[in-house]
Amino acid sequence: GRPDMAPFKFTRAILAGEPIDVYNHGHHQRDFTFVADVAE
């Protein structure tokens, strides 16, 4: 995945012990779609 997207940024920060910025206080919903499904 892309380093500028939330899954990548969050994973990097969590492993580094750094805080993550969570916009809209984390209350919005996203229709996360797995990349293999997109490619298919």
PDB file of all heavy atoms in Angstrom:
ATOM      1  N   GLY A   1       0.788  -1.227   0.000  1.00  0.00           N
ATOM      2  CA  GLY A   1       0.000   0.000   0.000  1.00  0.00           C
ATOM      3  C   GLY A   1       0.818   1.274   0.000  1.00  0.00           C
ATOM      4  O   GLY A   1       2.041   1.262   0.106  1.00  0.00           O
ATOM      5  N   ARG A   2       0.099   2.398  -0.116  1.00  0.00           N
ATOM      6  CA  ARG A   2       0.742   3.703  -0.199  1.00  0.00           C
ATOM      7  C   ARG A   2       1.072   4.238   1.183  1.00  0.00           C
ATOM      8  O   ARG A   2       0.226   4.227   2.090  1.00  0.00           O
ATOM      9  CB  ARG A   2      -0.190   4.706  -0.901  1.00  0.00           C
ATOM     10  CG  ARG A   2      -0.246   4.532  -2.380  1.00  0.00           C
ATOM     11  CD  ARG A   2      -0.984   5.633  -3.110  1.00  0.00           C
ATOM     12  NE  ARG A   2      -1.527   6.701  -2.329  1.00  0.00           N
ATOM     13  CZ  ARG A   2      -2.780   7.148  -2.422  1.00  0.00           C
ATOM     14  NH1 ARG A   2      -3.624   6.561  -3.244  1.00  0.00           N
ATOM     15  NH2 ARG A   2      -3.191   8.163  -1.701  1.00  0.00           N
ATOM     16  N   PRO A   3       2.279   4.790   1.359  1.00  0.00           N
ATOM     17  CA  PRO A   3       2.679   5.312   2.669  1.00  0.00           C
ATOM     18  C   PRO A   3       1.899   6.536   3.125  1.00  0.00           C
ATOM     19  O   PRO A   3       1.944   6.879   4.302  1.00  0.00           O
ATOM     20  CB  PRO A   3       4.161   5.672   2.464  1.00  0.00           C
ATOM     21  CG  PRO A   3       4.614   4.827   1.330  1.00  0.00           C
ATOM     22  CD  PRO A   3       3.428   4.719   0.432  1.00  0.00           C
ATOM     23  N   ASP A   4       1.199   7.219   2.208  1.00  0.00           N
ATOM     24  CA  ASP A   4       0.442   8.411   2.601  1.00  0.00           C
ATOM     25  C   ASP A   4      -0.962   8.075   3.074  1.00  0.00           C
ATOM     26  O   ASP A   4      -1.702   8.966   3.496  1.00  0.00           O
ATOM     27  CB  ASP A   4       0.357   9.392   1.430  1.00  0.00           C
ATOM     28  CG  ASP A   4      -0.395   8.814   0.240  1.00  0.00           C
ATOM     29  OD1 ASP A   4      -0.135   7.639  -0.109  1.00  0.00           O
ATOM     30  OD2 ASP A   4      -1.225   9.528  -0.344  1.00  0.00           O
ATOM     31  N   MET A   5      -1.350   6.797   3.038  1.00  0.00           N
ATOM     32  CA  MET A   5      -2.698   6.416   3.431  1.00  0.00           C
ATOM     33  C   MET A   5      -2.740   5.929   4.875  1.00  0.00           C
ATOM     34  O   MET A   5      -1.735   5.468   5.428  1.00  0.00           O
ATOM     35  CB  MET A   5      -3.244   5.346   2.485  1.00  0.00           C
ATOM     36  CG  MET A   5      -3.413   5.857   1.059  1.00  0.00           C
ATOM     37  SD  MET A   5      -4.195   4.657  -0.040  1.00  0.00           S
ATOM     38  CE  MET A   5      -5.879   4.668   0.600  1.00  0.00           C
ATOM     39  N   ALA A   6      -3.916   6.024   5.480  1.00  0.00           N
ATOM     40  CA  ALA A   6      -4.059   5.770   6.916  1.00  0.00           C
ATOM     41  C   ALA A   6      -3.548   4.397   7.365  1.00  0.00           C
ATOM     42  O   ALA A   6      -2.823   4.325   8.369  1.00  0.00           O
ATOM     43  CB  ALA A   6      -5.517   5.958   7.333  1.00  0.00           C
ATOM     44  N   PRO A   7      -3.880   3.284   6.697  1.00  0.00           N
ATOM     45  CA  PRO A   7      -3.395   1.993   7.200  1.00  0.00           C
ATOM     46  C   PRO A   7      -1.876   1.949   7.328  1.00  0.00           C
ATOM     47  O   PRO A   7      -1.336   1.444   8.323  1.00  0.00           O
ATOM     48  CB  PRO A   7      -3.891   0.995   6.146  1.00  0.00           C
ATOM     49  CG  PRO A   7      -5.097   1.648   5.567  1.00  0.00           C
ATOM     50  CD  PRO A   7      -4.779   3.111   5.534  1.00  0.00           C
ATOM     51  N   PHE A   8      -1.180   2.492   6.331  1.00  0.00           N
ATOM     52  CA  PHE A   8       0.285   2.494   6.324  1.00  0.00           C
ATOM     53  C   PHE A   8       0.816   3.429   7.409  1.00  0.00           C
ATOM     54  O   PHE A   8       1.702   3.066   8.198  1.00  0.00           O
ATOM     55  CB  PHE A   8       0.767   2.953   4.946  1.00  0.00           C
ATOM     56  CG  PHE A   8       2.156   2.515   4.585  1.00  0.00           C
ATOM     57  CD1 PHE A   8       2.356   1.564   3.600  1.00  0.00           C
ATOM     58  CD2 PHE A   8       3.265   3.072   5.198  1.00  0.00           C
ATOM     59  CE1 PHE A   8       3.635   1.163   3.232  1.00  0.00           C
ATOM     60  CE2 PHE A   8       4.548   2.685   4.838  1.00  0.00           C
ATOM     61  CZ  PHE A   8       4.731   1.733   3.858  1.00  0.00           C
ATOM     62  N   LYS A   9       0.281   4.656   7.461  1.00  0.00           N
ATOM     63  CA  LYS A   9       0.752   5.632   8.439  1.00  0.00           C
ATOM     64  C   LYS A   9       0.488   5.161   9.863  1.00  0.00           C
ATOM     65  O   LYS A   9       1.348   5.314  10.741  1.00  0.00           O
ATOM     66  CB  LYS A   9       0.082   6.989   8.204  1.00  0.00           C
ATOM     67  CG  LYS A   9       0.506   7.679   6.934  1.00  0.00           C
ATOM     68  CD  LYS A   9       0.126   9.152   6.924  1.00  0.00           C
ATOM     69  CE  LYS A   9      -1.357   9.367   6.945  1.00  0.00           C
ATOM     70  NZ  LYS A   9      -1.711  10.796   6.821  1.00  0.00           N
ATOM     71  N   PHE A  10      -0.692   4.605  10.094  1.00  0.00           N
ATOM     72  CA  PHE A  10      -1.032   4.129  11.440  1.00  0.00           C
ATOM     73  C   PHE A  10      -0.116   2.983  11.857  1.00  0.00           C
ATOM     74  O   PHE A  10       0.386   2.953  12.999  1.00  0.00           O
ATOM     75  CB  PHE A  10      -2.484   3.667  11.484  1.00  0.00           C
ATOM     76  CG  PHE A  10      -3.504   4.770  11.393  1.00  0.00           C
ATOM     77  CD1 PHE A  10      -4.863   4.472  11.306  1.00  0.00           C
ATOM     78  CD2 PHE A  10      -3.127   6.106  11.385  1.00  0.00           C
ATOM     79  CE1 PHE A  10      -5.811   5.480  11.226  1.00  0.00           C
ATOM     80  CE2 PHE A  10      -4.069   7.128  11.294  1.00  0.00           C
ATOM     81  CZ  PHE A  10      -5.417   6.807  11.218  1.00  0.00           C
ATOM     82  N   THR A  11       0.112   2.040  10.949  1.00  0.00           N
ATOM     83  CA  THR A  11       0.961   0.898  11.281  1.00  0.00           C
ATOM     84  C   THR A  11       2.380   1.337  11.617  1.00  0.00           C
ATOM     85  O   THR A  11       2.968   0.887  12.624  1.00  0.00           O
ATOM     86  CB  THR A  11       0.975  -0.095  10.107  1.00  0.00           C
ATOM     87  OG1 THR A  11      -0.349  -0.592   9.901  1.00  0.00           O
ATOM     88  CG2 THR A  11       1.921  -1.261  10.366  1.00  0.00           C
ATOM     89  N   ARG A  12       2.920   2.214  10.803  1.00  0.00           N
ATOM     90  CA  ARG A  12       4.272   2.712  11.053  1.00  0.00           C
ATOM     91  C   ARG A  12       4.365   3.399  12.406  1.00  0.00           C
ATOM     92  O   ARG A  12       5.317   3.172  13.171  1.00  0.00           O
ATOM     93  CB  ARG A  12       4.670   3.662   9.932  1.00  0.00           C
ATOM     94  CG  ARG A  12       6.090   4.237  10.064  1.00  0.00           C
ATOM     95  CD  ARG A  12       6.488   4.956   8.780  1.00  0.00           C
ATOM     96  NE  ARG A  12       5.477   5.930   8.370  1.00  0.00           N
ATOM     97  CZ  ARG A  12       5.371   6.428   7.148  1.00  0.00           C
ATOM     98  NH1 ARG A  12       6.177   6.020   6.180  1.00  0.00           N
ATOM     99  NH2 ARG A  12       4.435   7.313   6.859  1.00  0.00           N
ATOM    100  N   ALA A  13       3.389   4.247  12.723  1.00  0.00           N
ATOM    101  CA  ALA A  13       3.422   4.997  13.978  1.00  0.00           C
ATOM    102  C   ALA A  13       3.233   4.081  15.187  1.00  0.00           C
ATOM    103  O   ALA A  13       3.927   4.232  16.206  1.00  0.00           O
ATOM    104  CB  ALA A  13       2.353   6.076  13.962  1.00  0.00           C
ATOM    105  N   ILE A  14       2.320   3.145  15.098  1.00  0.00           N
ATOM    106  CA  ILE A  14       2.077   2.239  16.223  1.00  0.00           C
ATOM    107  C   ILE A  14       3.330   1.434  16.532  1.00  0.00           C
ATOM    108  O   ILE A  14       3.730   1.285  17.702  1.00  0.00           O
ATOM    109  CB  ILE A  14       0.882   1.315  15.922  1.00  0.00           C
ATOM    110  CG1 ILE A  14      -0.426   2.126  15.877  1.00  0.00           C
ATOM    111  CG2 ILE A  14       0.778   0.198  16.964  1.00  0.00           C
ATOM    112  CD1 ILE A  14      -1.617   1.342  15.351  1.00  0.00           C
ATOM    113  N   LEU A  15       3.991   0.920  15.513  1.00  0.00           N
ATOM    114  CA  LEU A  15       5.215   0.141  15.731  1.00  0.00           C
ATOM    115  C   LEU A  15       6.344   0.992  16.286  1.00  0.00           C
ATOM    116  O   LEU A  15       7.212   0.496  17.016  1.00  0.00           O
ATOM    117  CB  LEU A  15       5.646  -0.535  14.432  1.00  0.00           C
ATOM    118  CG  LEU A  15       4.766  -1.689  13.954  1.00  0.00           C
ATOM    119  CD1 LEU A  15       5.200  -2.163  12.567  1.00  0.00           C
ATOM    120  CD2 LEU A  15       4.817  -2.855  14.945  1.00  0.00           C
ATOM    121  N   ALA A  16       6.327   2.285  15.952  1.00  0.00           N
ATOM    122  CA  ALA A  16       7.368   3.198  16.446  1.00  0.00           C
ATOM    123  C   ALA A  16       7.016   3.798  17.798  1.00  0.00           C
ATOM    124  O   ALA A  16       7.812   4.564  18.364  1.00  0.00           O
ATOM    125  CB  ALA A  16       7.598   4.313  15.427  1.00  0.00           C
ATOM    126  N   GLY A  17       5.837   3.481  18.315  1.00  0.00           N
ATOM    127  CA  GLY A  17       5.417   4.042  19.592  1.00  0.00           C
ATOM    128  C   GLY A  17       5.055   5.515  19.506  1.00  0.00           C
ATOM    129  O   GLY A  17       5.123   6.239  20.514  1.00  0.00           O
ATOM    130  N   GLU A  18       4.643   5.948  18.343  1.00  0.00           N
ATOM    131  CA  GLU A  18       4.294   7.357  18.138  1.00  0.00           C
ATOM    132  C   GLU A  18       2.778   7.516  18.058  1.00  0.00           C
ATOM    133  O   GLU A  18       2.066   6.596  17.650  1.00  0.00           O
ATOM    134  CB  GLU A  18       4.918   7.867  16.837  1.00  0.00           C
ATOM    135  CG  GLU A  18       6.445   7.795  16.829  1.00  0.00           C
ATOM    136  CD  GLU A  18       7.021   8.081  15.449  1.00  0.00           C
ATOM    137  OE1 GLU A  18       6.213   8.171  14.489  1.00  0.00           O
ATOM    138  OE2 GLU A  18       8.259   8.193  15.343  1.00  0.00           O
ATOM    139  N   PRO A  19       2.257   8.692  18.446  1.00  0.00           N
ATOM    140  CA  PRO A  19       0.810   8.910  18.352  1.00  0.00           C
ATOM    141  C   PRO A  19       0.363   9.014  16.898  1.00  0.00           C
ATOM    142  O   PRO A  19       1.143   9.373  16.012  1.00  0.00           O
ATOM    143  CB  PRO A  19       0.604  10.243  19.087  1.00  0.00           C
ATOM    144  CG  PRO A  19       1.923  10.942  18.991  1.00  0.00           C
ATOM    145  CD  PRO A  19       2.962   9.859  19.018  1.00  0.00           C
ATOM    146  N   ILE A  20      -0.894   8.686  16.646  1.00  0.00           N
ATOM    147  CA  ILE A  20      -1.455   8.803  15.308  1.00  0.00           C
ATOM    148  C   ILE A  20      -2.547   9.866  15.313  1.00  0.00           C
ATOM    149  O   ILE A  20      -3.329   9.968  16.264  1.00  0.00           O
ATOM    150  CB  ILE A  20      -2.003   7.454  14.795  1.00  0.00           C
ATOM    151  CG1 ILE A  20      -3.114   6.910  15.700  1.00  0.00           C
ATOM    152  CG2 ILE A  20      -0.890   6.438  14.669  1.00  0.00           C
ATOM    153  CD1 ILE A  20      -3.747   5.627  15.194  1.00  0.00           C
ATOM    154  N   ASP A  21      -2.583  10.666  14.259  1.00  0.00           N
ATOM    155  CA  ASP A  21      -3.635  11.668  14.104  1.00  0.00           C
ATOM    156  C   ASP A  21      -4.895  10.985  13.585  1.00  0.00           C
ATOM    157  O   ASP A  21      -4.878  10.334  12.535  1.00  0.00           O
ATOM    158  CB  ASP A  21      -3.205  12.758  13.123  1.00  0.00           C
ATOM    159  CG  ASP A  21      -2.111  13.655  13.686  1.00  0.00           C
ATOM    160  OD1 ASP A  21      -2.025  13.786  14.921  1.00  0.00           O
ATOM    161  OD2 ASP A  21      -1.344  14.212  12.888  1.00  0.00           O
ATOM    162  N   VAL A  22      -5.987  11.145  14.331  1.00  0.00           N
ATOM    163  CA  VAL A  22      -7.257  10.524  13.973  1.00  0.00           C
ATOM    164  C   VAL A  22      -8.269  11.640  13.751  1.00  0.00           C
ATOM    165  O   VAL A  22      -8.733  12.271  14.700  1.00  0.00           O
ATOM    166  CB  VAL A  22      -7.740   9.553  15.070  1.00  0.00           C
ATOM    167  CG1 VAL A  22      -9.049   8.893  14.656  1.00  0.00           C
ATOM    168  CG2 VAL A  22      -6.680   8.505  15.365  1.00  0.00           C
ATOM    169  N   TYR A  23      -8.591  11.892  12.493  1.00  0.00           N
ATOM    170  CA  TYR A  23      -9.462  13.015  12.158  1.00  0.00           C
ATOM    171  C   TYR A  23     -10.935  12.668  12.384  1.00  0.00           C
ATOM    172  O   TYR A  23     -11.326  11.504  12.396  1.00  0.00           O
ATOM    173  CB  TYR A  23      -9.221  13.451  10.714  1.00  0.00           C
ATOM    174  CG  TYR A  23      -7.833  14.012  10.518  1.00  0.00           C
ATOM    175  CD1 TYR A  23      -6.802  13.218  10.019  1.00  0.00           C
ATOM    176  CD2 TYR A  23      -7.539  15.321  10.880  1.00  0.00           C
ATOM    177  CE1 TYR A  23      -5.511  13.738   9.866  1.00  0.00           C
ATOM    178  CE2 TYR A  23      -6.263  15.850  10.724  1.00  0.00           C
ATOM    179  CZ  TYR A  23      -5.259  15.047  10.214  1.00  0.00           C
ATOM    180  OH  TYR A  23      -3.988  15.553  10.072  1.00  0.00           O
ATOM    181  N   ASN A  24     -11.725  13.723  12.581  1.00  0.00           N
ATOM    182  CA  ASN A  24     -13.146  13.582  12.903  1.00  0.00           C
ATOM    183  C   ASN A  24     -13.337  12.723  14.150  1.00  0.00           C
ATOM    184  O   ASN A  24     -14.365  12.073  14.309  1.00  0.00           O
ATOM    185  CB  ASN A  24     -13.920  12.992  11.712  1.00  0.00           C
ATOM    186  CG  ASN A  24     -15.418  13.200  11.820  1.00  0.00           C
ATOM    187  OD1 ASN A  24     -15.875  14.179  12.400  1.00  0.00           O
ATOM    188  ND2 ASN A  24     -16.186  12.279  11.282  1.00  0.00           N
ATOM    189  N   HIS A  25     -12.300  12.725  15.008  1.00  0.00           N
ATOM    190  CA  HIS A  25     -12.309  11.954  16.258  1.00  0.00           C
ATOM    191  C   HIS A  25     -12.576  10.467  16.008  1.00  0.00           C
ATOM    192  O   HIS A  25     -13.023   9.750  16.902  1.00  0.00           O
ATOM    193  CB  HIS A  25     -13.342  12.538  17.236  1.00  0.00           C
ATOM    194  CG  HIS A  25     -13.094  13.982  17.572  1.00  0.00           C
ATOM    195  ND1 HIS A  25     -12.169  14.383  18.517  1.00  0.00           N
ATOM    196  CD2 HIS A  25     -13.609  15.122  17.049  1.00  0.00           C
ATOM    197  CE1 HIS A  25     -12.145  15.710  18.581  1.00  0.00           C
ATOM    198  NE2 HIS A  25     -13.006  16.182  17.697  1.00  0.00           N
ATOM    199  N   GLY A  26     -12.303  10.030  14.771  1.00  0.00           N
ATOM    200  CA  GLY A  26     -12.431   8.613  14.437  1.00  0.00           C
ATOM    201  C   GLY A  26     -13.845   8.136  14.219  1.00  0.00           C
ATOM    202  O   GLY A  26     -14.083   6.936  14.084  1.00  0.00           O
ATOM    203  N   HIS A  27     -14.808   9.066  14.131  1.00  0.00           N
ATOM    204  CA  HIS A  27     -16.210   8.653  14.067  1.00  0.00           C
ATOM    205  C   HIS A  27     -16.727   8.435  12.651  1.00  0.00           C
ATOM    206  O   HIS A  27     -17.828   7.919  12.481  1.00  0.00           O
ATOM    207  CB  HIS A  27     -17.093   9.681  14.781  1.00  0.00           C
ATOM    208  CG  HIS A  27     -16.820   9.786  16.252  1.00  0.00           C
ATOM    209  ND1 HIS A  27     -16.761   8.676  17.073  1.00  0.00           N
ATOM    210  CD2 HIS A  27     -16.567  10.858  17.042  1.00  0.00           C
ATOM    211  CE1 HIS A  27     -16.492   9.063  18.314  1.00  0.00           C
ATOM    212  NE2 HIS A  27     -16.364  10.384  18.315  1.00  0.00           N
ATOM    213  N   HIS A  28     -15.991   8.848  11.643  1.00  0.00           N
ATOM    214  CA  HIS A  28     -16.489   8.627  10.290  1.00  0.00           C
ATOM    215  C   HIS A  28     -16.257   7.169   9.869  1.00  0.00           C
ATOM    216  O   HIS A  28     -15.405   6.479  10.417  1.00  0.00           O
ATOM    217  CB  HIS A  28     -15.846   9.586   9.286  1.00  0.00           C
ATOM    218  CG  HIS A  28     -14.358   9.546   9.245  1.00  0.00           C
ATOM    219  ND1 HIS A  28     -13.569  10.348  10.025  1.00  0.00           N
ATOM    220  CD2 HIS A  28     -13.508   8.788   8.513  1.00  0.00           C
ATOM    221  CE1 HIS A  28     -12.295  10.095   9.775  1.00  0.00           C
ATOM    222  NE2 HIS A  28     -12.232   9.146   8.865  1.00  0.00           N
ATOM    223  N   GLN A  29     -17.033   6.743   8.893  1.00  0.00           N
ATOM    224  CA  GLN A  29     -16.940   5.375   8.381  1.00  0.00           C
ATOM    225  C   GLN A  29     -16.393   5.387   6.963  1.00  0.00           C
ATOM    226  O   GLN A  29     -16.675   6.289   6.181  1.00  0.00           O
ATOM    227  CB  GLN A  29     -18.317   4.703   8.384  1.00  0.00           C
ATOM    228  CG  GLN A  29     -18.921   4.559   9.769  1.00  0.00           C
ATOM    229  CD  GLN A  29     -20.211   3.760   9.728  1.00  0.00           C
ATOM    230  OE1 GLN A  29     -20.266   2.676   9.132  1.00  0.00           O
ATOM    231  NE2 GLN A  29     -21.244   4.272  10.346  1.00  0.00           N
ATOM    232  N   ARG A  30     -15.600   4.369   6.664  1.00  0.00           N
ATOM    233  CA  ARG A  30     -15.041   4.220   5.328  1.00  0.00           C
ATOM    234  C   ARG A  30     -15.322   2.809   4.815  1.00  0.00           C
ATOM    235  O   ARG A  30     -15.269   1.834   5.571  1.00  0.00           O
ATOM    236  CB  ARG A  30     -13.521   4.475   5.336  1.00  0.00           C
ATOM    237  CG  ARG A  30     -13.133   5.917   5.565  1.00  0.00           C
ATOM    238  CD  ARG A  30     -13.479   6.768   4.360  1.00  0.00           C
ATOM    239  NE  ARG A  30     -13.132   8.181   4.546  1.00  0.00           N
ATOM    240  CZ  ARG A  30     -13.984   9.092   5.001  1.00  0.00           C
ATOM    241  NH1 ARG A  30     -15.213   8.749   5.327  1.00  0.00           N
ATOM    242  NH2 ARG A  30     -13.609  10.355   5.123  1.00  0.00           N
ATOM    243  N   ASP A  31     -15.579   2.741   3.516  1.00  0.00           N
ATOM    244  CA  ASP A  31     -15.836   1.459   2.867  1.00  0.00           C
ATOM    245  C   ASP A  31     -14.493   0.887   2.408  1.00  0.00           C
ATOM    246  O   ASP A  31     -14.144   0.937   1.227  1.00  0.00           O
ATOM    247  CB  ASP A  31     -16.781   1.671   1.688  1.00  0.00           C
ATOM    248  CG  ASP A  31     -17.424   0.375   1.218  1.00  0.00           C
ATOM    249  OD1 ASP A  31     -16.939  -0.699   1.611  1.00  0.00           O
ATOM    250  OD2 ASP A  31     -18.400   0.442   0.451  1.00  0.00           O
ATOM    251  N   PHE A  32     -13.726   0.351   3.361  1.00  0.00           N
ATOM    252  CA  PHE A  32     -12.403  -0.193   3.058  1.00  0.00           C
ATOM    253  C   PHE A  32     -12.540  -1.373   2.098  1.00  0.00           C
ATOM    254  O   PHE A  32     -13.291  -2.315   2.344  1.00  0.00           O
ATOM    255  CB  PHE A  32     -11.715  -0.650   4.342  1.00  0.00           C
ATOM    256  CG  PHE A  32     -11.262   0.477   5.233  1.00  0.00           C
ATOM    257  CD1 PHE A  32     -12.048   0.891   6.308  1.00  0.00           C
ATOM    258  CD2 PHE A  32     -10.067   1.128   4.997  1.00  0.00           C
ATOM    259  CE1 PHE A  32     -11.629   1.927   7.130  1.00  0.00           C
ATOM    260  CE2 PHE A  32      -9.637   2.167   5.810  1.00  0.00           C
ATOM    261  CZ  PHE A  32     -10.430   2.574   6.883  1.00  0.00           C
ATOM    262  N   THR A  33     -11.760  -1.325   1.001  1.00  0.00           N
ATOM    263  CA  THR A  33     -11.857  -2.337  -0.054  1.00  0.00           C
ATOM    264  C   THR A  33     -10.479  -2.925  -0.316  1.00  0.00           C
ATOM    265  O   THR A  33      -9.532  -2.194  -0.625  1.00  0.00           O
ATOM    266  CB  THR A  33     -12.432  -1.707  -1.335  1.00  0.00           C
ATOM    267  OG1 THR A  33     -13.640  -1.009  -1.019  1.00  0.00           O
ATOM    268  CG2 THR A  33     -12.713  -2.773  -2.373  1.00  0.00           C
ATOM    269  N   PHE A  34     -10.372  -4.236  -0.193  1.00  0.00           N
ATOM    270  CA  PHE A  34      -9.082  -4.908  -0.287  1.00  0.00           C
ATOM    271  C   PHE A  34      -8.553  -4.858  -1.712  1.00  0.00           C
ATOM    272  O   PHE A  34      -9.290  -5.062  -2.686  1.00  0.00           O
ATOM    273  CB  PHE A  34      -9.208  -6.354   0.179  1.00  0.00           C
ATOM    274  CG  PHE A  34      -7.895  -7.032   0.417  1.00  0.00           C
ATOM    275  CD1 PHE A  34      -7.004  -6.562   1.374  1.00  0.00           C
ATOM    276  CD2 PHE A  34      -7.529  -8.150  -0.323  1.00  0.00           C
ATOM    277  CE1 PHE A  34      -5.790  -7.190   1.602  1.00  0.00           C
ATOM    278  CE2 PHE A  34      -6.321  -8.783  -0.104  1.00  0.00           C
ATOM    279  CZ  PHE A  34      -5.445  -8.298   0.862  1.00  0.00           C
ATOM    280  N   VAL A  35      -7.257  -4.608  -1.846  1.00  0.00           N
ATOM    281  CA  VAL A  35      -6.675  -4.323  -3.152  1.00  0.00           C
ATOM    282  C   VAL A  35      -6.777  -5.489  -4.127  1.00  0.00           C
ATOM    283  O   VAL A  35      -6.934  -5.284  -5.342  1.00  0.00           O
ATOM    284  CB  VAL A  35      -5.211  -3.852  -2.997  1.00  0.00           C
ATOM    285  CG1 VAL A  35      -4.323  -4.994  -2.487  1.00  0.00           C
ATOM    286  CG2 VAL A  35      -4.680  -3.263  -4.294  1.00  0.00           C
ATOM    287  N   ALA A  36      -6.722  -6.721  -3.643  1.00  0.00           N
ATOM    288  CA  ALA A  36      -6.851  -7.866  -4.559  1.00  0.00           C
ATOM    289  C   ALA A  36      -8.245  -7.898  -5.190  1.00  0.00           C
ATOM    290  O   ALA A  36      -8.398  -8.268  -6.360  1.00  0.00           O
ATOM    291  CB  ALA A  36      -6.571  -9.165  -3.824  1.00  0.00           C
ATOM    292  N   ASP A  37      -9.259  -7.494  -4.424  1.00  0.00           N
ATOM    293  CA  ASP A  37     -10.619  -7.420  -4.964  1.00  0.00           C
ATOM    294  C   ASP A  37     -10.717  -6.322  -6.014  1.00  0.00           C
ATOM    295  O   ASP A  37     -11.419  -6.461  -7.017  1.00  0.00           O
ATOM    296  CB  ASP A  37     -11.617  -7.156  -3.846  1.00  0.00           C
ATOM    297  CG  ASP A  37     -11.783  -8.326  -2.896  1.00  0.00           C
ATOM    298  OD1 ASP A  37     -11.422  -9.456  -3.286  1.00  0.00           O
ATOM    299  OD2 ASP A  37     -12.266  -8.113  -1.773  1.00  0.00           O
ATOM    300  N   VAL A  38     -10.030  -5.216  -5.767  1.00  0.00           N
ATOM    301  CA  VAL A  38     -10.026  -4.120  -6.731  1.00  0.00           C
ATOM    302  C   VAL A  38      -9.353  -4.556  -8.025  1.00  0.00           C
ATOM    303  O   VAL A  38      -9.864  -4.310  -9.129  1.00  0.00           O
ATOM    304  CB  VAL A  38      -9.321  -2.886  -6.130  1.00  0.00           C
ATOM    305  CG1 VAL A  38      -9.111  -1.798  -7.184  1.00  0.00           C
ATOM    306  CG2 VAL A  38     -10.123  -2.340  -4.953  1.00  0.00           C
ATOM    307  N   ALA A  39      -8.199  -5.211  -7.912  1.00  0.00           N
ATOM    308  CA  ALA A  39      -7.478  -5.671  -9.103  1.00  0.00           C
ATOM    309  C   ALA A  39      -8.326  -6.656  -9.909  1.00  0.00           C
ATOM    310  O   ALA A  39      -8.373  -6.587 -11.143  1.00  0.00           O
ATOM    311  CB  ALA A  39      -6.152  -6.303  -8.708  1.00  0.00           C
ATOM    312  N   GLU A  40      -8.983  -7.564  -9.232  1.00  0.00           N
ATOM    313  CA  GLU A  40      -9.851  -8.521  -9.923  1.00  0.00           C
ATOM    314  C   GLU A  40     -10.971  -7.794 -10.667  1.00  0.00           C
ATOM    315  O   GLU A  40     -11.292  -8.134 -11.819  1.00  0.00           O
ATOM    316  CB  GLU A  40     -10.449  -9.513  -8.921  1.00  0.00           C
ATOM    317  CG  GLU A  40     -11.330 -10.582  -9.532  1.00  0.00           C
ATOM    318  CD  GLU A  40     -10.570 -11.565 -10.405  1.00  0.00           C
ATOM    319  OE1 GLU A  40      -9.344 -11.735 -10.205  1.00  0.00           O
ATOM    320  OE2 GLU A  40     -11.200 -12.178 -11.291  1.00  0.00           O
TER     321      GLU A  40
END
